[in-house]
Amino acid sequence: MAVPSSSINDPTFGQEMLGKGMAIEPSEGKLYSPIDGSVAVVIDTKHALSIVSDNGAEILMHVGLDTVKLKGEGFKAFVKQGDEIKIGQKLIEFDIDLLKSKGYCLDVPIVITNMMNYTEVVCTKETNINIGENLLSIK
């Protein structure tokens, strides 16, 4: 399920401090690439990463809210900095049941962090998103 970033119950993402975007509520414990591009950063705790699309858009993907507190427990990365990636490629797996049992919000914010390079970031109006479908468009 997809929701606008403004509805995320977290000041950093909800107030779009890091960029404009949206969040998805995952149906499984896997995060897939929404773009063709490369991996810029994988956070040590593997709960977040930054990717750069072939057209230069910088995208932050963050699994859950406050999940950094888990210090990597329940997360496994399948990519590393510098890897080339394709749409639909698995990036991270996470133990969705562990996150739920510990009370974490499972929203996955996906934001364009270099918004200043674009005039507009448009989020999909669809609420049910499948792997490979467009989430955001930039102009």
N, C-alpha and C. Protein backbone atom coordinates (compact mmCIF):
# COMPACT_ATOMS: atom_id res chain seq x y z
N MET A 1 0.86 -1.18 0.00
CA MET A 1 0.00 0.00 0.00
C MET A 1 0.90 1.24 0.00
N ALA A 2 0.56 2.22 -0.78
CA ALA A 2 1.35 3.45 -0.89
C ALA A 2 0.60 4.62 -0.26
N VAL A 3 1.36 5.49 0.43
CA VAL A 3 0.80 6.69 1.05
C VAL A 3 1.73 7.87 0.81
N PRO A 4 1.22 9.09 0.76
CA PRO A 4 2.09 10.26 0.59
C PRO A 4 3.00 10.44 1.82
N SER A 5 4.20 10.96 1.60
CA SER A 5 5.14 11.12 2.71
C SER A 5 4.59 12.06 3.78
N SER A 6 3.73 12.97 3.41
CA SER A 6 3.17 13.91 4.40
C SER A 6 2.31 13.20 5.44
N SER A 7 1.89 11.96 5.16
CA SER A 7 1.07 11.23 6.13
C SER A 7 1.90 10.30 7.02
N ILE A 8 3.22 10.30 6.86
CA ILE A 8 4.09 9.46 7.68
C ILE A 8 4.18 10.07 9.08
N ASN A 9 4.00 9.23 10.09
CA ASN A 9 4.01 9.69 11.48
C ASN A 9 5.44 9.78 12.00
N ASP A 10 6.23 10.64 11.38
CA ASP A 10 7.62 10.87 11.75
C ASP A 10 7.99 12.25 11.24
N PRO A 11 8.51 13.13 12.09
CA PRO A 11 8.76 14.51 11.64
C PRO A 11 9.75 14.61 10.48
N THR A 12 10.79 13.80 10.47
CA THR A 12 11.79 13.89 9.41
C THR A 12 11.19 13.56 8.05
N PHE A 13 10.42 12.49 7.99
CA PHE A 13 9.82 12.09 6.72
C PHE A 13 8.49 12.79 6.47
N GLY A 14 7.66 12.92 7.49
CA GLY A 14 6.35 13.54 7.34
C GLY A 14 6.41 15.00 6.94
N GLN A 15 7.44 15.71 7.41
CA GLN A 15 7.60 17.12 7.04
C GLN A 15 8.54 17.28 5.84
N GLU A 16 8.90 16.16 5.24
CA GLU A 16 9.71 16.13 4.02
C GLU A 16 11.05 16.86 4.17
N MET A 17 11.67 16.71 5.36
CA MET A 17 12.96 17.35 5.62
C MET A 17 14.08 16.78 4.75
N LEU A 18 14.00 15.50 4.43
CA LEU A 18 15.04 14.86 3.63
C LEU A 18 14.70 14.85 2.13
N GLY A 19 13.46 15.17 1.81
CA GLY A 19 13.03 15.18 0.42
C GLY A 19 11.58 14.81 0.30
N LYS A 20 11.07 14.98 -0.89
CA LYS A 20 9.67 14.66 -1.17
C LYS A 20 9.58 13.23 -1.67
N GLY A 21 8.50 12.58 -1.31
CA GLY A 21 8.32 11.21 -1.77
C GLY A 21 7.05 10.60 -1.23
N MET A 22 7.15 9.34 -0.87
CA MET A 22 6.00 8.61 -0.37
C MET A 22 6.49 7.47 0.50
N ALA A 23 5.57 6.71 1.00
CA ALA A 23 5.93 5.53 1.78
C ALA A 23 5.08 4.37 1.30
N ILE A 24 5.66 3.20 1.41
CA ILE A 24 4.89 2.00 1.13
C ILE A 24 4.78 1.19 2.42
N GLU A 25 3.67 0.52 2.57
CA GLU A 25 3.49 -0.41 3.67
C GLU A 25 3.73 -1.79 3.08
N PRO A 26 4.84 -2.43 3.44
CA PRO A 26 5.21 -3.68 2.79
C PRO A 26 4.28 -4.83 3.15
N SER A 27 4.05 -5.70 2.17
CA SER A 27 3.26 -6.90 2.42
C SER A 27 4.16 -8.09 2.73
N GLU A 28 5.46 -7.93 2.47
CA GLU A 28 6.45 -8.95 2.79
C GLU A 28 7.74 -8.27 3.23
N GLY A 29 8.64 -9.02 3.79
CA GLY A 29 9.88 -8.47 4.32
C GLY A 29 10.98 -8.34 3.29
N LYS A 30 10.67 -7.74 2.16
CA LYS A 30 11.66 -7.55 1.10
C LYS A 30 11.51 -6.17 0.50
N LEU A 31 12.65 -5.54 0.22
CA LEU A 31 12.68 -4.22 -0.41
C LEU A 31 13.35 -4.37 -1.77
N TYR A 32 12.66 -3.91 -2.81
CA TYR A 32 13.14 -4.04 -4.18
C TYR A 32 13.47 -2.68 -4.77
N SER A 33 14.36 -2.67 -5.74
CA SER A 33 14.73 -1.41 -6.38
C SER A 33 13.59 -0.90 -7.26
N PRO A 34 13.26 0.39 -7.10
CA PRO A 34 12.24 0.99 -7.96
C PRO A 34 12.84 1.54 -9.27
N ILE A 35 14.18 1.46 -9.40
CA ILE A 35 14.85 2.10 -10.54
C ILE A 35 16.04 1.27 -11.03
N ASP A 36 16.49 1.61 -12.24
CA ASP A 36 17.80 1.17 -12.71
C ASP A 36 18.79 2.23 -12.25
N GLY A 37 19.92 1.81 -11.72
CA GLY A 37 20.90 2.78 -11.26
C GLY A 37 22.02 2.11 -10.51
N SER A 38 22.46 2.78 -9.43
CA SER A 38 23.55 2.23 -8.62
C SER A 38 23.31 2.53 -7.14
N VAL A 39 23.95 1.74 -6.30
CA VAL A 39 23.84 1.91 -4.86
C VAL A 39 24.88 2.93 -4.42
N ALA A 40 24.43 4.00 -3.78
CA ALA A 40 25.33 5.04 -3.27
C ALA A 40 25.82 4.68 -1.87
N VAL A 41 24.90 4.26 -1.01
CA VAL A 41 25.22 3.96 0.40
C VAL A 41 24.28 2.88 0.91
N VAL A 42 24.83 1.95 1.67
CA VAL A 42 24.02 1.03 2.47
C VAL A 42 24.41 1.31 3.92
N ILE A 43 23.45 1.72 4.72
CA ILE A 43 23.71 2.03 6.12
C ILE A 43 24.17 0.75 6.84
N ASP A 44 25.13 0.89 7.74
CA ASP A 44 25.72 -0.27 8.43
C ASP A 44 24.68 -1.19 9.06
N THR A 45 23.61 -0.63 9.57
CA THR A 45 22.56 -1.43 10.21
C THR A 45 21.59 -2.04 9.21
N LYS A 46 21.81 -1.76 7.94
CA LYS A 46 21.09 -2.34 6.81
C LYS A 46 19.59 -2.04 6.79
N HIS A 47 19.17 -1.04 7.53
CA HIS A 47 17.75 -0.67 7.55
C HIS A 47 17.44 0.41 6.51
N ALA A 48 18.47 0.95 5.86
CA ALA A 48 18.26 2.03 4.89
C ALA A 48 19.39 2.02 3.87
N LEU A 49 19.08 2.58 2.72
CA LEU A 49 20.09 2.74 1.69
C LEU A 49 19.73 3.89 0.78
N SER A 50 20.72 4.35 0.05
CA SER A 50 20.54 5.42 -0.91
C SER A 50 20.96 4.89 -2.27
N ILE A 51 20.14 5.15 -3.27
CA ILE A 51 20.44 4.72 -4.62
C ILE A 51 20.36 5.92 -5.56
N VAL A 52 21.04 5.83 -6.68
CA VAL A 52 21.03 6.90 -7.68
C VAL A 52 20.55 6.31 -8.99
N SER A 53 19.50 6.91 -9.53
CA SER A 53 18.95 6.41 -10.78
C SER A 53 19.86 6.77 -11.94
N ASP A 54 19.68 6.09 -13.05
CA ASP A 54 20.47 6.38 -14.24
C ASP A 54 20.30 7.82 -14.72
N ASN A 55 19.17 8.46 -14.35
CA ASN A 55 18.95 9.86 -14.76
C ASN A 55 19.40 10.86 -13.68
N GLY A 56 20.02 10.36 -12.59
CA GLY A 56 20.59 11.26 -11.58
C GLY A 56 19.77 11.50 -10.34
N ALA A 57 18.56 10.98 -10.27
CA ALA A 57 17.74 11.17 -9.06
C ALA A 57 18.34 10.37 -7.91
N GLU A 58 18.49 11.01 -6.76
CA GLU A 58 19.01 10.36 -5.56
C GLU A 58 17.83 9.96 -4.67
N ILE A 59 17.76 8.69 -4.34
CA ILE A 59 16.59 8.15 -3.65
C ILE A 59 17.02 7.48 -2.36
N LEU A 60 16.42 7.90 -1.26
CA LEU A 60 16.63 7.28 0.04
C LEU A 60 15.46 6.34 0.30
N MET A 61 15.78 5.11 0.70
CA MET A 61 14.77 4.12 1.07
C MET A 61 15.08 3.67 2.49
N HIS A 62 14.09 3.78 3.37
CA HIS A 62 14.29 3.55 4.81
C HIS A 62 13.24 2.56 5.30
N VAL A 63 13.66 1.38 5.75
CA VAL A 63 12.72 0.35 6.18
C VAL A 63 12.26 0.62 7.60
N GLY A 64 10.99 0.95 7.74
CA GLY A 64 10.41 1.20 9.05
C GLY A 64 10.83 2.53 9.64
N LEU A 65 10.24 2.86 10.78
CA LEU A 65 10.56 4.09 11.50
C LEU A 65 11.27 3.72 12.79
N ASP A 66 12.36 4.41 13.07
CA ASP A 66 13.18 4.18 14.27
C ASP A 66 13.84 2.81 14.29
N THR A 67 13.89 2.11 13.16
CA THR A 67 14.46 0.77 13.12
C THR A 67 15.98 0.76 13.28
N VAL A 68 16.62 1.92 13.21
CA VAL A 68 18.05 2.01 13.49
C VAL A 68 18.34 1.47 14.89
N LYS A 69 17.38 1.57 15.78
CA LYS A 69 17.55 1.11 17.16
C LYS A 69 17.79 -0.40 17.24
N LEU A 70 17.44 -1.14 16.20
CA LEU A 70 17.64 -2.59 16.18
C LEU A 70 19.10 -2.96 15.89
N LYS A 71 19.90 -1.98 15.49
CA LYS A 71 21.33 -2.18 15.23
C LYS A 71 21.59 -3.33 14.25
N GLY A 72 20.72 -3.46 13.26
CA GLY A 72 20.91 -4.47 12.22
C GLY A 72 20.18 -5.77 12.46
N GLU A 73 19.64 -5.98 13.64
CA GLU A 73 18.92 -7.22 13.93
C GLU A 73 17.72 -7.35 12.99
N GLY A 74 17.63 -8.47 12.31
CA GLY A 74 16.50 -8.74 11.43
C GLY A 74 16.65 -8.20 10.01
N PHE A 75 17.80 -7.62 9.67
CA PHE A 75 18.02 -7.05 8.34
C PHE A 75 19.17 -7.76 7.62
N LYS A 76 19.02 -7.92 6.32
CA LYS A 76 20.09 -8.50 5.49
C LYS A 76 20.12 -7.73 4.17
N ALA A 77 21.27 -7.18 3.84
CA ALA A 77 21.44 -6.46 2.57
C ALA A 77 21.93 -7.41 1.48
N PHE A 78 21.43 -7.22 0.27
CA PHE A 78 21.84 -8.02 -0.87
C PHE A 78 22.66 -7.22 -1.87
N VAL A 79 22.94 -5.96 -1.52
CA VAL A 79 23.74 -5.08 -2.36
C VAL A 79 24.74 -4.33 -1.48
N LYS A 80 25.74 -3.75 -2.13
CA LYS A 80 26.72 -2.93 -1.41
C LYS A 80 26.98 -1.67 -2.23
N GLN A 81 27.64 -0.72 -1.62
CA GLN A 81 27.96 0.54 -2.28
C GLN A 81 28.66 0.26 -3.61
N GLY A 82 28.20 0.95 -4.66
CA GLY A 82 28.79 0.84 -5.98
C GLY A 82 28.15 -0.19 -6.88
N ASP A 83 27.31 -1.08 -6.33
CA ASP A 83 26.65 -2.08 -7.16
C ASP A 83 25.70 -1.44 -8.15
N GLU A 84 25.69 -1.94 -9.37
CA GLU A 84 24.68 -1.56 -10.36
C GLU A 84 23.42 -2.36 -10.05
N ILE A 85 22.26 -1.70 -10.14
CA ILE A 85 21.00 -2.36 -9.82
C ILE A 85 19.98 -2.15 -10.94
N LYS A 86 19.00 -3.04 -10.98
CA LYS A 86 17.93 -2.99 -11.96
C LYS A 86 16.58 -2.91 -11.25
N ILE A 87 15.59 -2.39 -11.92
CA ILE A 87 14.22 -2.35 -11.38
C ILE A 87 13.82 -3.76 -10.97
N GLY A 88 13.26 -3.87 -9.77
CA GLY A 88 12.77 -5.15 -9.27
C GLY A 88 13.82 -6.00 -8.58
N GLN A 89 15.08 -5.56 -8.55
CA GLN A 89 16.13 -6.32 -7.89
C GLN A 89 15.97 -6.23 -6.38
N LYS A 90 16.13 -7.37 -5.68
CA LYS A 90 16.03 -7.37 -4.22
C LYS A 90 17.23 -6.64 -3.63
N LEU A 91 16.95 -5.67 -2.74
CA LEU A 91 17.99 -4.88 -2.10
C LEU A 91 18.22 -5.29 -0.65
N ILE A 92 17.12 -5.43 0.08
CA ILE A 92 17.17 -5.74 1.52
C ILE A 92 16.06 -6.71 1.86
N GLU A 93 16.35 -7.64 2.77
CA GLU A 93 15.31 -8.45 3.39
C GLU A 93 15.25 -8.05 4.85
N PHE A 94 14.05 -8.08 5.41
CA PHE A 94 13.88 -7.75 6.82
C PHE A 94 12.84 -8.66 7.42
N ASP A 95 13.01 -8.95 8.69
CA ASP A 95 12.11 -9.86 9.40
C ASP A 95 10.88 -9.06 9.81
N ILE A 96 9.87 -9.12 8.97
CA ILE A 96 8.67 -8.32 9.17
C ILE A 96 7.97 -8.69 10.49
N ASP A 97 8.00 -9.98 10.84
CA ASP A 97 7.37 -10.42 12.09
C ASP A 97 8.11 -9.88 13.31
N LEU A 98 9.43 -9.85 13.24
CA LEU A 98 10.24 -9.29 14.34
C LEU A 98 9.92 -7.81 14.52
N LEU A 99 9.90 -7.06 13.40
CA LEU A 99 9.60 -5.63 13.49
C LEU A 99 8.23 -5.39 14.09
N LYS A 100 7.24 -6.17 13.65
CA LYS A 100 5.88 -6.03 14.20
C LYS A 100 5.86 -6.37 15.68
N SER A 101 6.53 -7.47 16.06
CA SER A 101 6.50 -7.91 17.46
C SER A 101 7.16 -6.90 18.39
N LYS A 102 8.09 -6.11 17.88
CA LYS A 102 8.77 -5.10 18.70
C LYS A 102 8.07 -3.74 18.60
N GLY A 103 6.95 -3.69 17.87
CA GLY A 103 6.15 -2.48 17.83
C GLY A 103 6.59 -1.41 16.85
N TYR A 104 7.44 -1.76 15.89
CA TYR A 104 7.90 -0.76 14.93
C TYR A 104 6.87 -0.53 13.83
N CYS A 105 6.76 0.71 13.41
CA CYS A 105 5.96 1.06 12.25
C CYS A 105 6.69 0.51 11.03
N LEU A 106 5.99 -0.14 10.13
CA LEU A 106 6.62 -0.79 8.98
C LEU A 106 6.67 0.08 7.74
N ASP A 107 6.16 1.30 7.80
CA ASP A 107 6.21 2.17 6.62
C ASP A 107 7.64 2.26 6.09
N VAL A 108 7.77 2.24 4.77
CA VAL A 108 9.07 2.37 4.11
C VAL A 108 9.07 3.68 3.32
N PRO A 109 9.59 4.75 3.93
CA PRO A 109 9.68 6.01 3.19
C PRO A 109 10.65 5.87 2.02
N ILE A 110 10.24 6.44 0.89
CA ILE A 110 11.06 6.48 -0.32
C ILE A 110 11.03 7.94 -0.78
N VAL A 111 12.18 8.61 -0.67
CA VAL A 111 12.19 10.05 -0.95
C VAL A 111 13.31 10.42 -1.91
N ILE A 112 13.03 11.45 -2.70
CA ILE A 112 14.03 12.03 -3.60
C ILE A 112 14.80 13.05 -2.78
N THR A 113 16.09 12.81 -2.55
CA THR A 113 16.86 13.68 -1.67
C THR A 113 17.51 14.86 -2.41
N ASN A 114 17.58 14.80 -3.72
CA ASN A 114 18.14 15.94 -4.48
C ASN A 114 17.02 16.66 -5.24
N MET A 115 15.94 16.97 -4.51
CA MET A 115 14.76 17.64 -5.10
C MET A 115 15.11 18.97 -5.75
N MET A 116 16.17 19.62 -5.28
CA MET A 116 16.52 20.93 -5.82
C MET A 116 16.88 20.86 -7.30
N ASN A 117 17.15 19.66 -7.81
CA ASN A 117 17.48 19.49 -9.22
C ASN A 117 16.24 19.33 -10.10
N TYR A 118 15.07 19.31 -9.49
CA TYR A 118 13.83 19.06 -10.22
C TYR A 118 12.79 20.11 -9.87
N THR A 119 11.88 20.34 -10.78
CA THR A 119 10.82 21.31 -10.52
C THR A 119 9.64 20.68 -9.80
N GLU A 120 9.49 19.35 -9.98
CA GLU A 120 8.32 18.70 -9.38
C GLU A 120 8.60 17.22 -9.15
N VAL A 121 8.13 16.72 -8.02
CA VAL A 121 8.13 15.30 -7.73
C VAL A 121 6.68 14.90 -7.57
N VAL A 122 6.22 13.97 -8.40
CA VAL A 122 4.82 13.56 -8.40
C VAL A 122 4.72 12.13 -7.90
N CYS A 123 3.91 11.92 -6.88
CA CYS A 123 3.71 10.58 -6.31
C CYS A 123 2.53 9.92 -7.00
N THR A 124 2.61 8.61 -7.13
CA THR A 124 1.50 7.87 -7.72
C THR A 124 0.23 8.08 -6.91
N LYS A 125 -0.89 7.99 -7.57
CA LYS A 125 -2.18 8.07 -6.89
C LYS A 125 -2.68 6.67 -6.51
N GLU A 126 -1.99 5.65 -7.04
CA GLU A 126 -2.36 4.27 -6.75
C GLU A 126 -2.05 3.96 -5.29
N THR A 127 -2.86 3.13 -4.68
CA THR A 127 -2.58 2.73 -3.31
C THR A 127 -1.97 1.34 -3.24
N ASN A 128 -2.26 0.49 -4.20
CA ASN A 128 -1.68 -0.85 -4.24
C ASN A 128 -0.61 -0.87 -5.32
N ILE A 129 0.63 -1.02 -4.89
CA ILE A 129 1.78 -0.96 -5.78
C ILE A 129 2.45 -2.34 -5.85
N ASN A 130 2.73 -2.79 -7.06
CA ASN A 130 3.44 -4.04 -7.25
C ASN A 130 4.88 -3.76 -7.67
N ILE A 131 5.73 -4.74 -7.49
CA ILE A 131 7.14 -4.61 -7.86
C ILE A 131 7.24 -4.20 -9.32
N GLY A 132 8.04 -3.16 -9.58
CA GLY A 132 8.25 -2.69 -10.95
C GLY A 132 7.31 -1.59 -11.39
N GLU A 133 6.26 -1.30 -10.62
CA GLU A 133 5.34 -0.23 -10.99
C GLU A 133 5.88 1.13 -10.53
N ASN A 134 5.50 2.18 -11.25
CA ASN A 134 5.97 3.52 -10.92
C ASN A 134 5.41 4.02 -9.60
N LEU A 135 6.32 4.51 -8.76
CA LEU A 135 5.93 5.13 -7.48
C LEU A 135 5.94 6.64 -7.60
N LEU A 136 7.01 7.14 -8.22
CA LEU A 136 7.24 8.58 -8.30
C LEU A 136 7.67 8.94 -9.71
N SER A 137 7.39 10.17 -10.09
CA SER A 137 7.95 10.71 -11.33
C SER A 137 8.51 12.09 -11.01
N ILE A 138 9.56 12.45 -11.71
CA ILE A 138 10.20 13.74 -11.47
C ILE A 138 10.24 14.53 -12.76
N LYS A 139 10.15 15.86 -12.59
CA LYS A 139 10.17 16.75 -13.76
C LYS A 139 11.19 17.83 -13.53
